[in-house]
Amino acid sequence: MTTERETRAQTDRELCGLINGLAKQIEAHLRVRAATLGLTASQGAALRELTRPMTLRELAERMSCEPSNATFVADRLEEQGYLQRHPHPGNRRAKQLVLTPEGTELRERLLGLLSEDSPLAPLASEEQDVLRRLLARAVIR
């Protein structure tokens, strides 16, 4: 006879597997779409996450990577003319990453490509909203 604890453990394993599988699909989708624009997956992720001016630390957190990795990606995007570092208005020791007009245009193109055949496309808008709320509850502790 299966106990409630065993059932819960099995459900947890299944959910973790599904979430991991979805994350891999989203990452592969980003990699392919970014490559069509001559970007690496990390550059694509950075552009996707640069919704406003932010510090490298904020970008690293949003990309789920180490600040040194975000620095490397930001350096490449800056060399390509897609972003600039500006003084932070509230912290003289920090810099803010700001997309250039070319970076903003590239970001818009990327977002358009990412919306095509997205791994989440099979879900209706309402279902995506429910999934977002459930995942936010699970992640925020």
Protein backbone atom coordinates (compact mmCIF):
# COMPACT_ATOMS: atom_id res chain seq x y z
CA MET A 1 0.00 0.00 0.00
CA THR A 2 1.36 3.43 -1.01
CA THR A 3 1.59 5.96 1.76
CA GLU A 4 0.73 9.63 1.40
CA ARG A 5 4.41 10.42 1.80
CA GLU A 6 5.39 8.09 -1.07
CA THR A 7 2.65 9.54 -3.27
CA ARG A 8 3.85 13.07 -2.52
CA ALA A 9 7.47 12.11 -3.26
CA GLN A 10 6.43 10.59 -6.59
CA THR A 11 4.42 13.69 -7.48
CA ASP A 12 7.38 15.91 -6.54
CA ARG A 13 9.71 13.83 -8.78
CA GLU A 14 7.27 14.03 -11.69
CA LEU A 15 6.83 17.79 -11.30
CA CYS A 16 10.57 18.34 -11.09
CA GLY A 17 11.06 16.26 -14.23
CA LEU A 18 8.38 18.21 -16.11
CA ILE A 19 9.74 21.59 -15.00
CA ASN A 20 13.27 20.54 -15.92
CA GLY A 21 12.08 19.31 -19.31
CA LEU A 22 10.26 22.57 -19.99
CA ALA A 23 13.31 24.58 -18.94
CA LYS A 24 15.46 22.59 -21.39
CA GLN A 25 12.93 23.19 -24.19
CA ILE A 26 12.85 26.92 -23.45
CA GLU A 27 16.66 27.07 -23.40
CA ALA A 28 16.94 25.19 -26.71
CA HIS A 29 14.30 27.46 -28.25
CA LEU A 30 16.25 30.53 -27.10
CA ARG A 31 19.53 29.10 -28.42
CA VAL A 32 18.08 28.46 -31.90
CA ARG A 33 16.29 31.82 -32.12
CA ALA A 34 19.30 33.79 -30.83
CA ALA A 35 21.59 32.04 -33.34
CA THR A 36 19.43 33.31 -36.22
CA LEU A 37 20.43 36.81 -35.10
CA GLY A 38 24.11 35.93 -34.68
CA LEU A 39 23.86 35.79 -30.88
CA THR A 40 24.81 33.17 -28.34
CA ALA A 41 22.12 31.79 -26.03
CA SER A 42 23.62 33.83 -23.18
CA GLN A 43 23.49 37.03 -25.23
CA GLY A 44 19.89 36.24 -26.14
CA ALA A 45 19.01 35.64 -22.50
CA ALA A 46 20.63 38.94 -21.52
CA LEU A 47 18.71 40.85 -24.19
CA ARG A 48 15.48 39.13 -23.17
CA GLU A 49 16.02 40.13 -19.53
CA LEU A 50 17.14 43.72 -20.15
CA THR A 51 13.64 45.15 -19.77
CA ARG A 52 15.02 48.35 -18.23
CA PRO A 53 18.38 49.78 -17.16
CA MET A 54 19.91 47.49 -14.54
CA THR A 55 23.17 46.65 -12.84
CA LEU A 56 25.27 43.64 -13.78
CA ARG A 57 24.27 42.01 -10.51
CA GLU A 58 20.57 42.41 -11.37
CA LEU A 59 21.16 41.02 -14.85
CA ALA A 60 23.07 38.03 -13.45
CA GLU A 61 20.23 37.31 -11.06
CA ARG A 62 17.65 37.48 -13.85
CA MET A 63 19.81 35.25 -16.06
CA SER A 64 20.41 32.82 -13.17
CA CYS A 65 24.16 33.01 -13.59
CA GLU A 66 27.24 34.28 -11.80
CA PRO A 67 28.00 38.01 -12.07
CA SER A 68 31.28 37.18 -13.85
CA ASN A 69 29.32 35.39 -16.60
CA ALA A 70 26.94 38.34 -16.94
CA THR A 71 29.97 40.64 -17.17
CA PHE A 72 31.41 38.58 -20.03
CA VAL A 73 28.08 38.66 -21.89
CA ALA A 74 27.63 42.39 -21.28
CA ASP A 75 31.17 43.03 -22.53
CA ARG A 76 30.39 41.23 -25.81
CA LEU A 77 27.07 43.08 -26.25
CA GLU A 78 28.83 46.36 -25.54
CA GLU A 79 31.56 45.56 -28.10
CA GLN A 80 28.81 44.86 -30.65
CA GLY A 81 27.18 48.21 -29.93
CA TYR A 82 24.01 46.80 -28.34
CA LEU A 83 24.44 48.19 -24.84
CA GLN A 84 26.29 50.83 -22.90
CA ARG A 85 27.33 51.22 -19.29
CA HIS A 86 26.07 54.41 -17.65
CA PRO A 87 26.68 55.74 -14.14
CA HIS A 88 24.05 54.47 -11.71
CA PRO A 89 21.94 57.41 -10.50
CA GLY A 90 21.75 56.14 -6.92
CA ASN A 91 25.11 54.42 -6.44
CA ARG A 92 28.28 56.09 -7.65
CA ARG A 93 30.21 52.80 -7.47
CA ALA A 94 27.78 50.96 -9.75
CA LYS A 95 27.07 51.11 -13.46
CA GLN A 96 23.77 50.53 -15.20
CA LEU A 97 23.46 48.54 -18.40
CA VAL A 98 21.38 50.43 -20.94
CA LEU A 99 20.41 49.16 -24.38
CA THR A 100 21.43 51.31 -27.31
CA PRO A 101 18.83 52.02 -30.02
CA GLU A 102 20.39 49.13 -31.99
CA GLY A 103 20.18 46.92 -28.92
CA THR A 104 16.53 47.83 -28.38
CA GLU A 105 15.75 47.01 -32.02
CA LEU A 106 17.62 43.68 -31.76
CA ARG A 107 15.79 42.86 -28.53
CA GLU A 108 12.44 43.48 -30.24
CA ARG A 109 13.44 41.19 -33.12
CA LEU A 110 14.52 38.52 -30.64
CA LEU A 111 11.28 38.75 -28.66
CA GLY A 112 9.35 38.35 -31.89
CA LEU A 113 11.34 35.23 -32.77
CA LEU A 114 10.94 33.82 -29.27
CA SER A 115 7.17 34.14 -29.51
CA GLU A 116 7.15 31.94 -32.63
CA ASP A 117 6.59 28.27 -31.80
CA SER A 118 7.36 28.88 -28.12
CA PRO A 119 7.39 25.77 -25.93
CA LEU A 120 4.57 27.47 -24.01
CA ALA A 121 2.49 28.06 -27.16
CA PRO A 122 0.29 24.98 -26.61
CA LEU A 123 -1.04 26.65 -23.46
CA ALA A 124 -3.83 29.20 -23.75
CA SER A 125 -3.17 32.67 -22.28
CA GLU A 126 -5.24 31.82 -19.22
CA GLU A 127 -3.31 28.59 -18.71
CA GLN A 128 -0.01 30.46 -19.00
CA ASP A 129 -1.24 32.91 -16.36
CA VAL A 130 -2.18 30.04 -14.03
CA LEU A 131 1.19 28.36 -14.60
CA ARG A 132 3.01 31.64 -13.93
CA ARG A 133 1.12 32.17 -10.67
CA LEU A 134 1.71 28.60 -9.51
CA LEU A 135 5.42 28.71 -10.32
CA ALA A 136 5.76 32.10 -8.59
CA ARG A 137 4.16 30.63 -5.46
CA ALA A 138 6.52 27.65 -5.58
CA VAL A 139 9.63 29.78 -6.14
CA ILE A 140 8.98 32.62 -3.69
CA ARG A 141 9.56 31.47 -0.13
